């Protein structure tokens, strides 16, 4: 089961219907749906399984409409998560609202991932890609992280990674 985070205008995400995100807000944040499979339900936007970089993007989006990001257990995520945005698009300086579908830099980055490539992850540190599954935005990596002495399976597109120069 994954942990959900919510963009809400209410004092608590469970009461989002009392202070609902509006259609105007949804139109202003339309671009964020290009990044994440957000669910709009009962006056809030919900994302399942967000990492720190995703939370940073959600905080930036929430700030635009006067809302906040809150986790299932009631904790709020603030502007300190904006720092994680720097990792989300690797070496690019992409900002929210840019069109992802035509971004050649992201496509180039995704194509340059291969077994043996050394990467830096925002949370797990330096690692080496061992295996790759899937294509495009669904590309999954099995990465050996020396700093934590473990292998992790991560989604390349949404993970806070960058390729290290050899």
N, C-alpha and C. Protein backbone atom coordinates (compact mmCIF):
# COMPACT_ATOMS: atom_id res chain seq x y z
N UNK A 1 0.85 -1.18 0.00
CA UNK A 1 0.00 0.00 0.00
C UNK A 1 0.89 1.24 0.00
N UNK A 2 0.57 2.20 -0.83
CA UNK A 2 1.39 3.40 -0.92
C UNK A 2 0.83 4.51 -0.03
N UNK A 3 1.68 5.46 0.24
CA UNK A 3 1.33 6.59 1.08
C UNK A 3 0.88 7.74 0.18
N UNK A 4 -0.25 8.33 0.48
CA UNK A 4 -0.81 9.40 -0.35
C UNK A 4 -0.46 10.78 0.22
N UNK A 5 -0.29 11.74 -0.69
CA UNK A 5 -0.18 13.15 -0.32
C UNK A 5 -1.26 13.90 -1.08
N UNK A 6 -1.72 14.99 -0.49
CA UNK A 6 -2.89 15.70 -1.01
C UNK A 6 -2.59 17.19 -1.13
N UNK A 7 -3.08 17.80 -2.21
CA UNK A 7 -3.14 19.25 -2.32
C UNK A 7 -4.53 19.63 -1.86
N UNK A 8 -4.60 20.44 -0.82
CA UNK A 8 -5.89 20.80 -0.24
C UNK A 8 -5.90 22.27 0.18
N UNK A 9 -7.09 22.85 0.18
CA UNK A 9 -7.27 24.22 0.68
C UNK A 9 -7.88 24.20 2.09
N UNK A 10 -8.19 23.02 2.58
CA UNK A 10 -8.81 22.87 3.89
C UNK A 10 -7.76 22.83 5.00
N UNK A 11 -8.23 22.93 6.25
CA UNK A 11 -7.31 22.82 7.38
C UNK A 11 -6.81 21.39 7.57
N UNK A 12 -7.52 20.41 7.03
CA UNK A 12 -7.10 19.00 7.02
C UNK A 12 -7.66 18.36 5.76
N UNK A 13 -6.87 17.49 5.12
CA UNK A 13 -7.27 16.92 3.84
C UNK A 13 -8.59 16.16 3.91
N UNK A 14 -8.95 15.63 5.08
CA UNK A 14 -10.21 14.88 5.20
C UNK A 14 -11.43 15.80 5.13
N UNK A 15 -11.20 17.11 5.25
CA UNK A 15 -12.30 18.08 5.17
C UNK A 15 -12.20 18.95 3.90
N UNK A 16 -11.58 18.42 2.88
CA UNK A 16 -11.35 19.18 1.66
C UNK A 16 -12.64 19.61 0.97
N UNK A 17 -13.71 18.87 1.16
CA UNK A 17 -14.98 19.25 0.53
C UNK A 17 -15.49 20.59 1.04
N UNK A 18 -15.10 20.97 2.26
CA UNK A 18 -15.56 22.23 2.85
C UNK A 18 -14.83 23.43 2.25
N UNK A 19 -13.65 23.21 1.72
CA UNK A 19 -12.85 24.27 1.11
C UNK A 19 -12.22 23.70 -0.15
N UNK A 20 -13.04 23.44 -1.13
CA UNK A 20 -12.66 22.67 -2.31
C UNK A 20 -11.75 23.43 -3.27
N UNK A 21 -10.88 22.68 -3.92
CA UNK A 21 -10.13 23.20 -5.06
C UNK A 21 -11.14 23.41 -6.18
N UNK A 22 -11.07 24.54 -6.86
CA UNK A 22 -12.06 24.91 -7.85
C UNK A 22 -11.66 24.48 -9.26
N UNK A 23 -12.61 24.59 -10.19
CA UNK A 23 -12.32 24.31 -11.60
C UNK A 23 -11.26 25.28 -12.12
N UNK A 24 -11.32 26.53 -11.66
CA UNK A 24 -10.32 27.52 -12.05
C UNK A 24 -8.93 27.09 -11.59
N UNK A 25 -8.83 26.57 -10.36
CA UNK A 25 -7.56 26.05 -9.84
C UNK A 25 -7.05 24.90 -10.70
N UNK A 26 -7.95 23.99 -11.05
CA UNK A 26 -7.59 22.83 -11.87
C UNK A 26 -7.03 23.30 -13.21
N UNK A 27 -7.67 24.31 -13.81
CA UNK A 27 -7.19 24.83 -15.10
C UNK A 27 -5.81 25.44 -14.95
N UNK A 28 -5.56 26.14 -13.83
CA UNK A 28 -4.26 26.76 -13.60
C UNK A 28 -3.17 25.70 -13.39
N UNK A 29 -3.56 24.57 -12.84
CA UNK A 29 -2.60 23.49 -12.56
C UNK A 29 -2.63 22.38 -13.60
N UNK A 30 -3.30 22.63 -14.73
CA UNK A 30 -3.44 21.60 -15.74
C UNK A 30 -2.11 20.95 -16.11
N UNK A 31 -1.06 21.75 -16.17
CA UNK A 31 0.26 21.24 -16.54
C UNK A 31 0.77 20.16 -15.60
N UNK A 32 0.41 20.20 -14.33
CA UNK A 32 0.94 19.23 -13.37
C UNK A 32 0.41 17.82 -13.66
N UNK A 33 -0.72 17.74 -14.35
CA UNK A 33 -1.26 16.43 -14.72
C UNK A 33 -0.38 15.77 -15.79
N UNK A 34 0.48 16.56 -16.45
CA UNK A 34 1.45 15.98 -17.39
C UNK A 34 2.58 15.27 -16.64
N UNK A 35 2.78 15.65 -15.39
CA UNK A 35 3.86 15.08 -14.59
C UNK A 35 3.40 13.88 -13.75
N UNK A 36 2.20 13.96 -13.22
CA UNK A 36 1.74 12.97 -12.25
C UNK A 36 0.30 12.53 -12.51
N UNK A 37 -0.01 11.29 -12.15
CA UNK A 37 -1.39 10.81 -12.26
C UNK A 37 -2.19 11.24 -11.02
N UNK A 38 -2.54 12.51 -10.96
CA UNK A 38 -3.28 13.04 -9.82
C UNK A 38 -4.76 12.66 -9.91
N UNK A 39 -5.33 12.42 -8.76
CA UNK A 39 -6.75 12.11 -8.66
C UNK A 39 -7.46 13.29 -8.02
N UNK A 40 -8.49 13.83 -8.68
CA UNK A 40 -9.29 14.90 -8.09
C UNK A 40 -10.55 14.27 -7.51
N UNK A 41 -10.65 14.34 -6.19
CA UNK A 41 -11.76 13.69 -5.50
C UNK A 41 -12.07 14.45 -4.22
N UNK A 42 -13.34 14.71 -3.99
CA UNK A 42 -13.81 15.35 -2.76
C UNK A 42 -13.07 16.64 -2.44
N UNK A 43 -12.83 17.46 -3.47
CA UNK A 43 -12.26 18.78 -3.27
C UNK A 43 -10.76 18.86 -3.14
N UNK A 44 -10.06 17.75 -3.36
CA UNK A 44 -8.60 17.75 -3.22
C UNK A 44 -7.97 17.01 -4.39
N UNK A 45 -6.68 17.23 -4.58
CA UNK A 45 -5.88 16.47 -5.55
C UNK A 45 -5.00 15.52 -4.76
N UNK A 46 -4.95 14.26 -5.17
CA UNK A 46 -4.20 13.25 -4.44
C UNK A 46 -3.20 12.56 -5.37
N UNK A 47 -2.00 12.33 -4.83
CA UNK A 47 -0.96 11.57 -5.53
C UNK A 47 -0.51 10.44 -4.63
N UNK A 48 -0.49 9.24 -5.18
CA UNK A 48 -0.05 8.06 -4.43
C UNK A 48 1.46 7.87 -4.61
N UNK A 49 2.15 7.57 -3.52
CA UNK A 49 3.55 7.19 -3.59
C UNK A 49 4.51 8.27 -4.01
N UNK A 50 4.35 9.48 -3.55
CA UNK A 50 5.23 10.59 -3.96
C UNK A 50 6.58 10.53 -3.26
N UNK A 51 7.66 10.83 -4.02
CA UNK A 51 8.97 10.98 -3.41
C UNK A 51 9.19 12.46 -3.10
N UNK A 52 10.36 12.80 -2.56
CA UNK A 52 10.61 14.18 -2.16
C UNK A 52 10.55 15.17 -3.32
N UNK A 53 11.04 14.76 -4.47
CA UNK A 53 11.01 15.65 -5.64
C UNK A 53 9.57 15.90 -6.07
N UNK A 54 8.75 14.85 -6.07
CA UNK A 54 7.33 15.00 -6.43
C UNK A 54 6.64 15.91 -5.44
N UNK A 55 6.94 15.73 -4.16
CA UNK A 55 6.34 16.59 -3.14
C UNK A 55 6.74 18.05 -3.38
N UNK A 56 7.99 18.28 -3.76
CA UNK A 56 8.44 19.63 -4.08
C UNK A 56 7.63 20.25 -5.21
N UNK A 57 7.36 19.47 -6.26
CA UNK A 57 6.54 19.97 -7.36
C UNK A 57 5.11 20.24 -6.92
N UNK A 58 4.58 19.38 -6.05
CA UNK A 58 3.23 19.58 -5.54
C UNK A 58 3.16 20.83 -4.66
N UNK A 59 4.19 21.07 -3.85
CA UNK A 59 4.24 22.28 -3.02
C UNK A 59 4.24 23.52 -3.90
N UNK A 60 5.07 23.50 -4.96
CA UNK A 60 5.11 24.65 -5.87
C UNK A 60 3.74 24.88 -6.50
N UNK A 61 3.08 23.81 -6.92
CA UNK A 61 1.75 23.92 -7.51
C UNK A 61 0.74 24.43 -6.49
N UNK A 62 0.79 23.89 -5.28
CA UNK A 62 -0.16 24.32 -4.23
C UNK A 62 0.02 25.80 -3.92
N UNK A 63 1.26 26.27 -3.90
CA UNK A 63 1.52 27.69 -3.64
C UNK A 63 0.84 28.58 -4.69
N UNK A 64 0.75 28.10 -5.92
CA UNK A 64 0.15 28.89 -7.00
C UNK A 64 -1.35 29.12 -6.80
N UNK A 65 -2.02 28.21 -6.09
CA UNK A 65 -3.48 28.33 -5.93
C UNK A 65 -3.90 28.57 -4.48
N UNK A 66 -2.94 28.89 -3.63
CA UNK A 66 -3.26 29.17 -2.23
C UNK A 66 -3.67 27.92 -1.45
N UNK A 67 -3.06 26.81 -1.78
CA UNK A 67 -3.37 25.55 -1.11
C UNK A 67 -2.11 25.04 -0.39
N UNK A 68 -2.23 23.86 0.24
CA UNK A 68 -1.10 23.25 0.94
C UNK A 68 -1.02 21.78 0.57
N UNK A 69 0.15 21.18 0.83
CA UNK A 69 0.34 19.76 0.61
C UNK A 69 0.37 19.08 1.97
N UNK A 70 -0.46 18.04 2.10
CA UNK A 70 -0.57 17.34 3.37
C UNK A 70 -0.55 15.83 3.14
N UNK A 71 0.14 15.12 4.03
CA UNK A 71 0.19 13.67 3.96
C UNK A 71 -0.99 13.03 4.65
N UNK A 72 -1.15 11.73 4.45
CA UNK A 72 -2.26 10.97 5.04
C UNK A 72 -2.34 11.10 6.56
N UNK A 73 -1.19 11.22 7.20
CA UNK A 73 -1.18 11.28 8.66
C UNK A 73 -1.32 12.70 9.20
N UNK A 74 -1.58 13.66 8.31
CA UNK A 74 -1.84 15.03 8.74
C UNK A 74 -0.66 15.98 8.70
N UNK A 75 0.53 15.48 8.38
CA UNK A 75 1.71 16.35 8.34
C UNK A 75 1.68 17.20 7.08
N UNK A 76 2.13 18.45 7.22
CA UNK A 76 2.19 19.36 6.08
C UNK A 76 3.60 19.39 5.52
N UNK A 77 3.69 19.52 4.20
CA UNK A 77 4.96 19.64 3.50
C UNK A 77 5.06 21.06 2.99
N UNK A 78 6.16 21.74 3.37
CA UNK A 78 6.31 23.15 3.03
C UNK A 78 7.37 23.43 2.00
N UNK A 79 7.76 24.69 1.95
CA UNK A 79 8.69 25.18 0.93
C UNK A 79 10.08 24.54 1.01
N UNK A 80 10.41 23.89 2.13
CA UNK A 80 11.71 23.22 2.20
C UNK A 80 11.82 22.10 1.17
N UNK A 81 10.69 21.61 0.68
CA UNK A 81 10.70 20.55 -0.34
C UNK A 81 10.95 21.09 -1.74
N UNK A 82 10.91 22.40 -1.90
CA UNK A 82 11.18 22.99 -3.22
C UNK A 82 12.61 22.70 -3.67
N UNK A 83 13.54 22.51 -2.73
CA UNK A 83 14.93 22.20 -3.08
C UNK A 83 15.04 20.89 -3.85
N UNK A 84 14.12 19.94 -3.60
CA UNK A 84 14.18 18.65 -4.26
C UNK A 84 13.80 18.74 -5.74
N UNK A 85 13.16 19.83 -6.14
CA UNK A 85 12.78 19.99 -7.55
C UNK A 85 14.02 19.99 -8.44
N UNK A 86 15.14 20.49 -7.93
CA UNK A 86 16.37 20.55 -8.73
C UNK A 86 16.78 19.18 -9.23
N UNK A 87 16.41 18.12 -8.53
CA UNK A 87 16.78 16.78 -8.94
C UNK A 87 15.83 16.20 -9.98
N UNK A 88 14.57 16.59 -9.96
CA UNK A 88 13.54 15.86 -10.69
C UNK A 88 13.83 15.77 -12.18
N UNK A 89 14.36 16.80 -12.78
CA UNK A 89 14.63 16.72 -14.21
C UNK A 89 16.11 16.71 -14.51
N UNK A 90 16.83 16.08 -13.60
CA UNK A 90 18.24 15.77 -13.78
C UNK A 90 19.07 17.01 -14.05
N UNK A 91 19.69 17.10 -15.17
CA UNK A 91 20.58 18.22 -15.45
C UNK A 91 19.86 19.39 -16.12
N UNK A 92 18.55 19.27 -16.34
CA UNK A 92 17.81 20.34 -17.00
C UNK A 92 17.40 21.40 -15.99
N UNK A 93 17.01 22.55 -16.49
CA UNK A 93 16.46 23.61 -15.65
C UNK A 93 14.99 23.78 -16.01
N UNK A 94 14.31 22.67 -16.11
CA UNK A 94 12.89 22.67 -16.45
C UNK A 94 12.08 23.19 -15.28
N UNK A 95 11.09 24.02 -15.54
CA UNK A 95 10.22 24.50 -14.48
C UNK A 95 8.80 24.05 -14.76
N UNK A 96 7.99 24.07 -13.73
CA UNK A 96 6.60 23.67 -13.90
C UNK A 96 5.95 24.54 -14.96
N UNK A 97 5.15 23.93 -15.79
CA UNK A 97 4.49 24.64 -16.86
C UNK A 97 5.16 24.42 -18.20
N UNK A 98 6.43 23.99 -18.21
CA UNK A 98 7.09 23.66 -19.47
C UNK A 98 6.41 22.43 -20.05
N UNK A 99 6.42 22.31 -21.35
CA UNK A 99 5.79 21.17 -22.00
C UNK A 99 6.76 20.00 -22.01
N UNK A 100 6.37 18.94 -21.34
CA UNK A 100 7.23 17.77 -21.21
C UNK A 100 7.26 16.96 -22.49
N UNK A 101 6.11 16.83 -23.16
CA UNK A 101 6.03 15.91 -24.29
C UNK A 101 7.01 16.25 -25.42
N UNK A 102 7.41 17.51 -25.55
CA UNK A 102 8.31 17.91 -26.61
C UNK A 102 9.72 18.22 -26.11
N UNK A 103 10.00 17.92 -24.85
CA UNK A 103 11.27 18.30 -24.27
C UNK A 103 12.37 17.34 -24.71
N UNK A 104 13.22 17.79 -25.60
CA UNK A 104 14.28 16.95 -26.14
C UNK A 104 15.33 16.59 -25.10
N UNK A 105 15.53 17.49 -24.11
CA UNK A 105 16.52 17.20 -23.08
C UNK A 105 16.11 16.00 -22.24
N UNK A 106 14.84 15.91 -21.87
CA UNK A 106 14.37 14.77 -21.09
C UNK A 106 14.46 13.50 -21.92
N UNK A 107 14.03 13.57 -23.17
CA UNK A 107 14.13 12.40 -24.04
C UNK A 107 15.58 11.94 -24.18
N UNK A 108 16.50 12.88 -24.34
CA UNK A 108 17.92 12.56 -24.46
C UNK A 108 18.42 11.90 -23.17
N UNK A 109 18.04 12.46 -22.03
CA UNK A 109 18.44 11.89 -20.74
C UNK A 109 17.97 10.44 -20.62
N UNK A 110 16.69 10.21 -20.91
CA UNK A 110 16.11 8.87 -20.77
C UNK A 110 16.81 7.87 -21.70
N UNK A 111 17.17 8.30 -22.91
CA UNK A 111 17.83 7.41 -23.86
C UNK A 111 19.26 7.08 -23.44
N UNK A 112 19.89 7.95 -22.65
CA UNK A 112 21.27 7.74 -22.23
C UNK A 112 21.41 6.86 -20.99
N UNK A 113 20.31 6.40 -20.45
CA UNK A 113 20.37 5.48 -19.32
C UNK A 113 20.61 4.07 -19.85
N UNK A 114 21.63 3.42 -19.34
CA UNK A 114 21.93 2.05 -19.76
C UNK A 114 22.62 1.32 -18.61
N UNK A 115 22.65 0.00 -18.71
CA UNK A 115 23.33 -0.81 -17.70
C UNK A 115 24.79 -0.36 -17.62
N UNK A 116 25.28 -0.21 -16.40
CA UNK A 116 26.65 0.24 -16.19
C UNK A 116 26.79 1.73 -15.97
N UNK A 117 25.74 2.51 -16.29
CA UNK A 117 25.79 3.96 -16.10
C UNK A 117 25.81 4.30 -14.62
N UNK A 118 26.70 5.21 -14.23
CA UNK A 118 26.76 5.68 -12.85
C UNK A 118 25.81 6.86 -12.72
N UNK A 119 25.02 6.85 -11.63
CA UNK A 119 24.07 7.92 -11.38
C UNK A 119 24.21 8.43 -9.95
N UNK A 120 23.62 9.60 -9.71
CA UNK A 120 23.51 10.14 -8.35
C UNK A 120 22.02 10.29 -8.07
N UNK A 121 21.57 9.72 -6.97
CA UNK A 121 20.17 9.79 -6.54
C UNK A 121 20.09 10.78 -5.38
N UNK A 122 19.06 11.59 -5.36
CA UNK A 122 18.88 12.61 -4.33
C UNK A 122 18.81 12.07 -2.91
N UNK A 123 18.37 10.85 -2.74
CA UNK A 123 18.24 10.26 -1.41
C UNK A 123 19.27 9.16 -1.15
N UNK A 124 19.51 8.28 -2.12
CA UNK A 124 20.32 7.09 -1.92
C UNK A 124 21.79 7.27 -2.28
N UNK A 125 22.14 8.40 -2.88
CA UNK A 125 23.53 8.67 -3.23
C UNK A 125 23.94 8.06 -4.55
N UNK A 126 25.24 7.74 -4.66
CA UNK A 126 25.80 7.23 -5.92
C UNK A 126 25.42 5.77 -6.12
N UNK A 127 25.13 5.44 -7.38
CA UNK A 127 24.77 4.07 -7.72
C UNK A 127 25.13 3.73 -9.14
N UNK A 128 25.02 2.44 -9.46
CA UNK A 128 25.29 1.94 -10.81
C UNK A 128 24.07 1.19 -11.30
N UNK A 129 23.61 1.55 -12.50
CA UNK A 129 22.45 0.86 -13.08
C UNK A 129 22.86 -0.55 -13.46
N UNK A 130 22.10 -1.54 -12.97
CA UNK A 130 22.38 -2.94 -13.27
C UNK A 130 21.45 -3.49 -14.36
N UNK A 131 20.17 -3.13 -14.29
CA UNK A 131 19.19 -3.61 -15.27
C UNK A 131 18.19 -2.51 -15.56
N UNK A 132 17.56 -2.59 -16.76
CA UNK A 132 16.53 -1.64 -17.16
C UNK A 132 15.35 -2.41 -17.73
N UNK A 133 14.15 -2.00 -17.30
CA UNK A 133 12.90 -2.59 -17.79
C UNK A 133 12.00 -1.47 -18.27
N UNK A 134 11.21 -1.74 -19.30
CA UNK A 134 10.23 -0.77 -19.78
C UNK A 134 10.83 0.27 -20.70
N UNK A 135 9.98 1.22 -21.11
CA UNK A 135 10.37 2.26 -22.05
C UNK A 135 9.80 3.61 -21.64
N UNK A 136 10.35 4.65 -22.20
CA UNK A 136 9.83 6.00 -22.01
C UNK A 136 9.68 6.36 -20.54
N UNK A 137 8.55 6.98 -20.19
CA UNK A 137 8.31 7.42 -18.82
C UNK A 137 8.13 6.25 -17.86
N UNK A 138 7.92 5.04 -18.38
CA UNK A 138 7.75 3.86 -17.54
C UNK A 138 9.05 3.08 -17.36
N UNK A 139 10.17 3.64 -17.75
CA UNK A 139 11.46 2.95 -17.65
C UNK A 139 11.83 2.77 -16.17
N UNK A 140 12.01 1.50 -15.78
CA UNK A 140 12.41 1.17 -14.42
C UNK A 140 13.87 0.74 -14.40
N UNK A 141 14.56 1.14 -13.36
CA UNK A 141 15.98 0.82 -13.22
C UNK A 141 16.20 -0.01 -11.96
N UNK A 142 17.06 -1.00 -12.06
CA UNK A 142 17.58 -1.68 -10.88
C UNK A 142 18.96 -1.07 -10.66
N UNK A 143 19.15 -0.42 -9.52
CA UNK A 143 20.38 0.31 -9.26
C UNK A 143 21.03 -0.20 -7.98
N UNK A 144 22.33 -0.50 -8.05
CA UNK A 144 23.11 -0.84 -6.86
C UNK A 144 23.63 0.46 -6.26
N UNK A 145 23.21 0.75 -5.03
CA UNK A 145 23.66 1.95 -4.34
C UNK A 145 24.72 1.57 -3.31
N UNK A 146 25.94 2.00 -3.54
CA UNK A 146 27.05 1.64 -2.65
C UNK A 146 26.90 2.28 -1.28
N UNK A 147 26.35 3.48 -1.21
CA UNK A 147 26.24 4.20 0.07
C UNK A 147 25.30 3.52 1.06
N UNK A 148 24.30 2.79 0.54
CA UNK A 148 23.37 2.09 1.44
C UNK A 148 23.53 0.58 1.34
N UNK A 149 24.45 0.14 0.49
CA UNK A 149 24.76 -1.28 0.32
C UNK A 149 23.52 -2.10 -0.05
N UNK A 150 22.68 -1.53 -0.94
CA UNK A 150 21.46 -2.20 -1.37
C UNK A 150 21.19 -1.88 -2.83
N UNK A 151 20.38 -2.75 -3.45
CA UNK A 151 19.84 -2.47 -4.78
C UNK A 151 18.43 -1.97 -4.61
N UNK A 152 18.05 -1.02 -5.44
CA UNK A 152 16.69 -0.46 -5.42
C UNK A 152 16.13 -0.46 -6.83
N UNK A 153 14.83 -0.63 -6.93
CA UNK A 153 14.12 -0.52 -8.20
C UNK A 153 13.45 0.86 -8.20
N UNK A 154 13.80 1.68 -9.19
CA UNK A 154 13.26 3.04 -9.24
C UNK A 154 12.70 3.35 -10.63
N UNK A 155 11.76 4.27 -10.68
CA UNK A 155 11.22 4.77 -11.94
C UNK A 155 12.10 5.93 -12.38
N UNK A 156 12.77 5.80 -13.50
CA UNK A 156 13.75 6.79 -13.94
C UNK A 156 13.16 8.18 -14.11
N UNK A 157 11.99 8.28 -14.71
CA UNK A 157 11.41 9.58 -15.04
C UNK A 157 11.09 10.41 -13.80
N UNK A 158 10.63 9.75 -12.73
CA UNK A 158 10.18 10.46 -11.54
C UNK A 158 11.21 10.48 -10.42
N UNK A 159 12.30 9.78 -10.57
CA UNK A 159 13.30 9.71 -9.51
C UNK A 159 14.26 10.89 -9.57
N UNK A 160 14.71 11.32 -8.41
CA UNK A 160 15.66 12.45 -8.37
C UNK A 160 17.07 11.98 -8.69
N UNK A 161 17.34 11.72 -9.98
CA UNK A 161 18.64 11.22 -10.38
C UNK A 161 19.27 12.10 -11.45
N UNK A 162 20.60 11.99 -11.52
CA UNK A 162 21.34 12.59 -12.64
C UNK A 162 22.48 11.65 -12.98
N UNK A 163 22.89 11.70 -14.22
CA UNK A 163 23.99 10.87 -14.69
C UNK A 163 25.30 11.50 -14.24
N UNK A 164 26.19 10.67 -13.71
CA UNK A 164 27.51 11.16 -13.30
C UNK A 164 28.47 11.05 -14.46
N UNK A 165 29.30 12.07 -14.63
CA UNK A 165 30.34 12.02 -15.67
C UNK A 165 31.46 11.11 -15.19
N UNK A 166 31.91 10.26 -16.07
CA UNK A 166 33.00 9.33 -15.71
C UNK A 166 34.34 10.01 -15.71
